[in-house]
Each structure stands twice: as C-alpha cells, then as structure tokens.
PDB file of N, CA and C in Angstrom:
ATOM      1  N   MET A   1      11.065  -1.598  -1.984  1.00  0.00           N
ATOM      2  CA  MET A   1      10.016  -2.525  -2.366  1.00  0.00           C
ATOM      3  C   MET A   1       9.964  -3.726  -1.431  1.00  0.00           C
ATOM      4  N   HIS A   2      11.124  -4.259  -1.097  1.00  0.00           N
ATOM      5  CA  HIS A   2      11.158  -5.434  -0.232  1.00  0.00           C
ATOM      6  C   HIS A   2      10.636  -5.117   1.167  1.00  0.00           C
ATOM      7  N   LEU A   3      10.916  -3.934   1.653  1.00  0.00           N
ATOM      8  CA  LEU A   3      10.440  -3.528   2.971  1.00  0.00           C
ATOM      9  C   LEU A   3       8.919  -3.435   2.989  1.00  0.00           C
ATOM     10  N   ILE A   4       8.336  -2.926   1.906  1.00  0.00           N
ATOM     11  CA  ILE A   4       6.874  -2.854   1.807  1.00  0.00           C
ATOM     12  C   ILE A   4       6.278  -4.255   1.810  1.00  0.00           C
ATOM     13  N   GLN A   5       6.855  -5.170   1.047  1.00  0.00           N
ATOM     14  CA  GLN A   5       6.363  -6.546   1.008  1.00  0.00           C
ATOM     15  C   GLN A   5       6.504  -7.206   2.372  1.00  0.00           C
ATOM     16  N   PHE A   6       7.628  -6.972   3.029  1.00  0.00           N
ATOM     17  CA  PHE A   6       7.834  -7.544   4.360  1.00  0.00           C
ATOM     18  C   PHE A   6       6.768  -7.051   5.335  1.00  0.00           C
ATOM     19  N   ARG A   7       6.473  -5.751   5.295  1.00  0.00           N
ATOM     20  CA  ARG A   7       5.454  -5.191   6.188  1.00  0.00           C
ATOM     21  C   ARG A   7       4.074  -5.774   5.891  1.00  0.00           C
ATOM     22  N   GLU A   8       3.762  -5.983   4.619  1.00  0.00           N
ATOM     23  CA  GLU A   8       2.477  -6.586   4.254  1.00  0.00           C
ATOM     24  C   GLU A   8       2.384  -8.014   4.775  1.00  0.00           C
ATOM     25  N   ILE A   9       3.454  -8.764   4.632  1.00  0.00           N
ATOM     26  CA  ILE A   9       3.480 -10.147   5.116  1.00  0.00           C
ATOM     27  C   ILE A   9       3.326 -10.187   6.635  1.00  0.00           C
ATOM     28  N   MET A  10       4.022  -9.296   7.328  1.00  0.00           N
ATOM     29  CA  MET A  10       3.922  -9.255   8.789  1.00  0.00           C
ATOM     30  C   MET A  10       2.519  -8.858   9.231  1.00  0.00           C
ATOM     31  N   ARG A  11       1.902  -7.889   8.546  1.00  0.00           N
ATOM     32  CA  ARG A  11       0.536  -7.485   8.875  1.00  0.00           C
ATOM     33  C   ARG A  11      -0.425  -8.651   8.643  1.00  0.00           C
ATOM     34  N   ASP A  12      -0.265  -9.345   7.521  1.00  0.00           N
ATOM     35  CA  ASP A  12      -1.111 -10.502   7.227  1.00  0.00           C
ATOM     36  C   ASP A  12      -0.985 -11.552   8.327  1.00  0.00           C
ATOM     37  N   ALA A  13       0.237 -11.797   8.749  1.00  0.00           N
ATOM     38  CA  ALA A  13       0.470 -12.804   9.792  1.00  0.00           C
ATOM     39  C   ALA A  13      -0.151 -12.380  11.127  1.00  0.00           C
ATOM     40  N   GLU A  14      -0.061 -11.097  11.452  1.00  0.00           N
ATOM     41  CA  GLU A  14      -0.645 -10.612  12.709  1.00  0.00           C
ATOM     42  C   GLU A  14      -2.164 -10.738  12.699  1.00  0.00           C
ATOM     43  N   VAL A  15      -2.789 -10.404  11.575  1.00  0.00           N
ATOM     44  CA  VAL A  15      -4.246 -10.537  11.474  1.00  0.00           C
ATOM     45  C   VAL A  15      -4.632 -12.009  11.540  1.00  0.00           C
ATOM     46  N   ALA A  16      -3.898 -12.855  10.833  1.00  0.00           N
ATOM     47  CA  ALA A  16      -4.186 -14.287  10.847  1.00  0.00           C
ATOM     48  C   ALA A  16      -4.075 -14.852  12.262  1.00  0.00           C
ATOM     49  N   TYR A  17      -3.044 -14.437  12.984  1.00  0.00           N
ATOM     50  CA  TYR A  17      -2.859 -14.900  14.363  1.00  0.00           C
ATOM     51  C   TYR A  17      -4.020 -14.452  15.248  1.00  0.00           C
ATOM     52  N   ALA A  18      -4.484 -13.239  15.040  1.00  0.00           N
ATOM     53  CA  ALA A  18      -5.557 -12.694  15.874  1.00  0.00           C
ATOM     54  C   ALA A  18      -6.893 -13.397  15.635  1.00  0.00           C
ATOM     55  N   ILE A  19      -7.171 -13.766  14.391  1.00  0.00           N
ATOM     56  CA  ILE A  19      -8.482 -14.372  14.092  1.00  0.00           C
ATOM     57  C   ILE A  19      -8.465 -15.893  14.114  1.00  0.00           C
ATOM     58  N   HIS A  20      -7.289 -16.486  14.242  1.00  0.00           N
ATOM     59  CA  HIS A  20      -7.169 -17.947  14.193  1.00  0.00           C
ATOM     60  C   HIS A  20      -8.093 -18.676  15.172  1.00  0.00           C
ATOM     61  N   PRO A  21      -8.218 -18.250  16.438  1.00  0.00           N
ATOM     62  CA  PRO A  21      -9.103 -18.967  17.359  1.00  0.00           C
ATOM     63  C   PRO A  21     -10.569 -19.013  16.885  1.00  0.00           C
ATOM     64  N   ILE A  22     -11.043 -17.949  16.279  1.00  0.00           N
ATOM     65  CA  ILE A  22     -12.419 -17.905  15.799  1.00  0.00           C
ATOM     66  C   ILE A  22     -12.584 -18.830  14.598  1.00  0.00           C
ATOM     67  N   VAL A  23     -11.608 -18.776  13.697  1.00  0.00           N
ATOM     68  CA  VAL A  23     -11.663 -19.630  12.499  1.00  0.00           C
ATOM     69  C   VAL A  23     -11.684 -21.095  12.902  1.00  0.00           C
ATOM     70  N   ARG A  24     -10.855 -21.466  13.861  1.00  0.00           N
ATOM     71  CA  ARG A  24     -10.801 -22.869  14.320  1.00  0.00           C
ATOM     72  C   ARG A  24     -12.080 -23.255  15.061  1.00  0.00           C
ATOM     73  N   LYS A  25     -12.572 -22.363  15.921  1.00  0.00           N
ATOM     74  CA  LYS A  25     -13.758 -22.667  16.720  1.00  0.00           C
ATOM     75  C   LYS A  25     -14.966 -22.955  15.837  1.00  0.00           C
ATOM     76  N   TYR A  26     -15.148 -22.151  14.793  1.00  0.00           N
ATOM     77  CA  TYR A  26     -16.324 -22.287  13.934  1.00  0.00           C
ATOM     78  C   TYR A  26     -16.028 -23.049  12.641  1.00  0.00           C
ATOM     79  N   LEU A  27     -14.825 -23.618  12.537  1.00  0.00           N
ATOM     80  CA  LEU A  27     -14.425 -24.413  11.377  1.00  0.00           C
ATOM     81  C   LEU A  27     -14.709 -23.691  10.058  1.00  0.00           C
ATOM     82  N   LEU A  28     -14.290 -22.431   9.991  1.00  0.00           N
ATOM     83  CA  LEU A  28     -14.533 -21.629   8.804  1.00  0.00           C
ATOM     84  C   LEU A  28     -13.623 -22.070   7.655  1.00  0.00           C
ATOM     85  N   THR A  29     -14.162 -22.043   6.451  1.00  0.00           N
ATOM     86  CA  THR A  29     -13.372 -22.349   5.265  1.00  0.00           C
ATOM     87  C   THR A  29     -12.616 -21.106   4.825  1.00  0.00           C
ATOM     88  N   VAL A  30     -11.730 -21.285   3.862  1.00  0.00           N
ATOM     89  CA  VAL A  30     -10.997 -20.147   3.307  1.00  0.00           C
ATOM     90  C   VAL A  30     -11.982 -19.146   2.708  1.00  0.00           C
ATOM     91  N   GLU A  31     -12.999 -19.663   2.011  1.00  0.00           N
ATOM     92  CA  GLU A  31     -13.986 -18.784   1.383  1.00  0.00           C
ATOM     93  C   GLU A  31     -14.764 -17.981   2.423  1.00  0.00           C
ATOM     94  N   ASP A  32     -15.228 -18.655   3.477  1.00  0.00           N
ATOM     95  CA  ASP A  32     -15.977 -17.971   4.536  1.00  0.00           C
ATOM     96  C   ASP A  32     -15.116 -16.906   5.216  1.00  0.00           C
ATOM     97  N   THR A  33     -13.880 -17.273   5.496  1.00  0.00           N
ATOM     98  CA  THR A  33     -12.967 -16.351   6.164  1.00  0.00           C
ATOM     99  C   THR A  33     -12.669 -15.151   5.269  1.00  0.00           C
ATOM    100  N   THR A  34     -12.468 -15.409   3.978  1.00  0.00           N
ATOM    101  CA  THR A  34     -12.203 -14.321   3.035  1.00  0.00           C
ATOM    102  C   THR A  34     -13.374 -13.350   2.980  1.00  0.00           C
ATOM    103  N   LYS A  35     -14.586 -13.879   2.890  1.00  0.00           N
ATOM    104  CA  LYS A  35     -15.779 -13.027   2.835  1.00  0.00           C
ATOM    105  C   LYS A  35     -15.888 -12.155   4.086  1.00  0.00           C
ATOM    106  N   ALA A  36     -15.642 -12.744   5.242  1.00  0.00           N
ATOM    107  CA  ALA A  36     -15.732 -11.993   6.493  1.00  0.00           C
ATOM    108  C   ALA A  36     -14.661 -10.898   6.557  1.00  0.00           C
ATOM    109  N   LEU A  37     -13.460 -11.221   6.121  1.00  0.00           N
ATOM    110  CA  LEU A  37     -12.377 -10.241   6.149  1.00  0.00           C
ATOM    111  C   LEU A  37     -12.628  -9.106   5.163  1.00  0.00           C
ATOM    112  N   ILE A  38     -13.166  -9.428   3.995  1.00  0.00           N
ATOM    113  CA  ILE A  38     -13.511  -8.387   3.022  1.00  0.00           C
ATOM    114  C   ILE A  38     -14.583  -7.472   3.597  1.00  0.00           C
ATOM    115  N   ALA A  39     -15.586  -8.069   4.248  1.00  0.00           N
ATOM    116  CA  ALA A  39     -16.656  -7.269   4.853  1.00  0.00           C
ATOM    117  C   ALA A  39     -16.110  -6.330   5.931  1.00  0.00           C
ATOM    118  N   CYS A  40     -15.044  -6.741   6.592  1.00  0.00           N
ATOM    119  CA  CYS A  40     -14.418  -5.905   7.625  1.00  0.00           C
ATOM    120  C   CYS A  40     -13.403  -4.929   7.049  1.00  0.00           C
ATOM    121  N   GLY A  41     -13.148  -5.008   5.750  1.00  0.00           N
ATOM    122  CA  GLY A  41     -12.218  -4.085   5.112  1.00  0.00           C
ATOM    123  C   GLY A  41     -10.757  -4.419   5.315  1.00  0.00           C
ATOM    124  N   VAL A  42     -10.452  -5.689   5.557  1.00  0.00           N
ATOM    125  CA  VAL A  42      -9.059  -6.095   5.767  1.00  0.00           C
ATOM    126  C   VAL A  42      -8.339  -6.162   4.417  1.00  0.00           C
ATOM    127  N   PRO A  43      -7.194  -5.473   4.280  1.00  0.00           N
ATOM    128  CA  PRO A  43      -6.437  -5.563   3.034  1.00  0.00           C
ATOM    129  C   PRO A  43      -5.867  -6.970   2.846  1.00  0.00           C
ATOM    130  N   ARG A  44      -5.782  -7.404   1.602  1.00  0.00           N
ATOM    131  CA  ARG A  44      -5.226  -8.727   1.259  1.00  0.00           C
ATOM    132  C   ARG A  44      -5.969  -9.834   2.001  1.00  0.00           C
ATOM    133  N   ALA A  45      -7.289  -9.730   2.037  1.00  0.00           N
ATOM    134  CA  ALA A  45      -8.129 -10.657   2.798  1.00  0.00           C
ATOM    135  C   ALA A  45      -7.940 -12.107   2.378  1.00  0.00           C
ATOM    136  N   ALA A  46      -7.848 -12.364   1.096  1.00  0.00           N
ATOM    137  CA  ALA A  46      -7.693 -13.742   0.626  1.00  0.00           C
ATOM    138  C   ALA A  46      -6.391 -14.354   1.131  1.00  0.00           C
ATOM    139  N   HIS A  47      -5.331 -13.570   1.146  1.00  0.00           N
ATOM    140  CA  HIS A  47      -4.043 -14.075   1.632  1.00  0.00           C
ATOM    141  C   HIS A  47      -4.105 -14.371   3.130  1.00  0.00           C
ATOM    142  N   VAL A  48      -4.712 -13.476   3.881  1.00  0.00           N
ATOM    143  CA  VAL A  48      -4.857 -13.677   5.328  1.00  0.00           C
ATOM    144  C   VAL A  48      -5.687 -14.929   5.601  1.00  0.00           C
ATOM    145  N   ALA A  49      -6.766 -15.121   4.857  1.00  0.00           N
ATOM    146  CA  ALA A  49      -7.631 -16.285   5.044  1.00  0.00           C
ATOM    147  C   ALA A  49      -6.877 -17.577   4.767  1.00  0.00           C
ATOM    148  N   GLN A  50      -6.036 -17.562   3.745  1.00  0.00           N
ATOM    149  CA  GLN A  50      -5.256 -18.766   3.440  1.00  0.00           C
ATOM    150  C   GLN A  50      -4.259 -19.072   4.540  1.00  0.00           C
ATOM    151  N   ILE A  51      -3.635 -18.048   5.082  1.00  0.00           N
ATOM    152  CA  ILE A  51      -2.695 -18.254   6.190  1.00  0.00           C
ATOM    153  C   ILE A  51      -3.438 -18.828   7.393  1.00  0.00           C
ATOM    154  N   THR A  52      -4.582 -18.235   7.725  1.00  0.00           N
ATOM    155  CA  THR A  52      -5.329 -18.608   8.923  1.00  0.00           C
ATOM    156  C   THR A  52      -5.851 -20.033   8.860  1.00  0.00           C
ATOM    157  N   THR A  53      -6.344 -20.443   7.715  1.00  0.00           N
ATOM    158  CA  THR A  53      -6.962 -21.759   7.592  1.00  0.00           C
ATOM    159  C   THR A  53      -5.994 -22.831   7.136  1.00  0.00           C
ATOM    160  N   GLY A  54      -4.742 -22.489   6.932  1.00  0.00           N
ATOM    161  CA  GLY A  54      -3.761 -23.473   6.482  1.00  0.00           C
ATOM    162  C   GLY A  54      -3.812 -23.714   4.994  1.00  0.00           C
ATOM    163  N   GLY A  55      -4.515 -22.872   4.263  1.00  0.00           N
ATOM    164  CA  GLY A  55      -4.645 -23.038   2.825  1.00  0.00           C
ATOM    165  C   GLY A  55      -3.328 -22.959   2.077  1.00  0.00           C
ATOM    166  N   LEU A  56      -2.392 -22.171   2.569  1.00  0.00           N
ATOM    167  CA  LEU A  56      -1.091 -22.063   1.919  1.00  0.00           C
ATOM    168  C   LEU A  56      -0.259 -23.313   2.127  1.00  0.00           C
ATOM    169  N   LEU A  57      -0.579 -24.056   3.159  1.00  0.00           N
ATOM    170  CA  LEU A  57       0.189 -25.262   3.479  1.00  0.00           C
ATOM    171  C   LEU A  57      -0.485 -26.526   2.982  1.00  0.00           C
ATOM    172  N   ASN A  58      -1.655 -26.380   2.348  1.00  0.00           N
ATOM    173  CA  ASN A  58      -2.451 -27.522   1.900  1.00  0.00           C
ATOM    174  C   ASN A  58      -2.767 -28.465   3.053  1.00  0.00           C
ATOM    175  N   ILE A  59      -3.149 -27.907   4.201  1.00  0.00           N
ATOM    176  CA  ILE A  59      -3.511 -28.679   5.378  1.00  0.00           C
ATOM    177  C   ILE A  59      -5.006 -28.572   5.550  1.00  0.00           C
ATOM    178  N   ASP A  60      -5.651 -29.697   5.778  1.00  0.00           N
ATOM    179  CA  ASP A  60      -7.089 -29.648   6.052  1.00  0.00           C
ATOM    180  C   ASP A  60      -7.335 -30.159   7.465  1.00  0.00           C
ATOM    181  N   LEU A  61      -8.499 -29.831   8.008  1.00  0.00           N
ATOM    182  CA  LEU A  61      -8.806 -30.157   9.397  1.00  0.00           C
ATOM    183  C   LEU A  61      -8.779 -31.662   9.681  1.00  0.00           C
ATOM    184  N   PRO A  62      -9.367 -32.534   8.843  1.00  0.00           N
ATOM    185  CA  PRO A  62      -9.288 -33.963   9.150  1.00  0.00           C
ATOM    186  C   PRO A  62      -7.863 -34.482   9.259  1.00  0.00           C
ATOM    187  N   THR A  63      -6.961 -33.948   8.450  1.00  0.00           N
ATOM    188  CA  THR A  63      -5.568 -34.364   8.526  1.00  0.00           C
ATOM    189  C   THR A  63      -4.980 -33.988   9.883  1.00  0.00           C
ATOM    190  N   LEU A  64      -5.265 -32.777  10.351  1.00  0.00           N
ATOM    191  CA  LEU A  64      -4.740 -32.335  11.634  1.00  0.00           C
ATOM    192  C   LEU A  64      -5.330 -33.121  12.804  1.00  0.00           C
ATOM    193  N   GLN A  65      -6.581 -33.514  12.691  1.00  0.00           N
ATOM    194  CA  GLN A  65      -7.232 -34.231  13.794  1.00  0.00           C
ATOM    195  C   GLN A  65      -6.713 -35.654  13.940  1.00  0.00           C
ATOM    196  N   ASN A  66      -6.148 -36.212  12.878  1.00  0.00           N
ATOM    197  CA  ASN A  66      -5.645 -37.575  12.922  1.00  0.00           C
ATOM    198  C   ASN A  66      -4.199 -37.663  13.388  1.00  0.00           C
ATOM    199  N   VAL A  67      -3.595 -36.520  13.687  1.00  0.00           N
ATOM    200  CA  VAL A  67      -2.188 -36.514  14.094  1.00  0.00           C
ATOM    201  C   VAL A  67      -2.072 -36.895  15.541  1.00  0.00           C
TER     202      VAL A  67
END
C-alpha cells in the first residue's frame, strides 16, 4: 500500500513540475488548473493543481512577489 501511495505522490510531483511554468506564466488558480487537468484526464488532478499552485503550502502569488 505504501509503495502505491509513494508512486502516486511521485507522479503528482512530476506532473506538477512539468506544468508549473504554464501555471505561473498565466497566473492560473487552483480551480483553473484543476479543470484543465481533469479535461486532460490527469489522475488526482485536484492534488496536482494544489501542488503546482502552492495551494498545499498556503502560498499566494502576492506573498511570493514581495519576497
């Protein structure tokens, strides 16, 4: 079971890494990113979208721009 979860987490991270430049360029929200990933048939789309947009870390773009 743990190996399956680990593989899912790694897959989510790889997809998030691959789409991150597009999400940042177009300032996509978690909702927008989730919808796009669902349309593309990505498994666990909501989780990937949260990773990509910083939703899991509670980070928003204005906070990052002020650093």
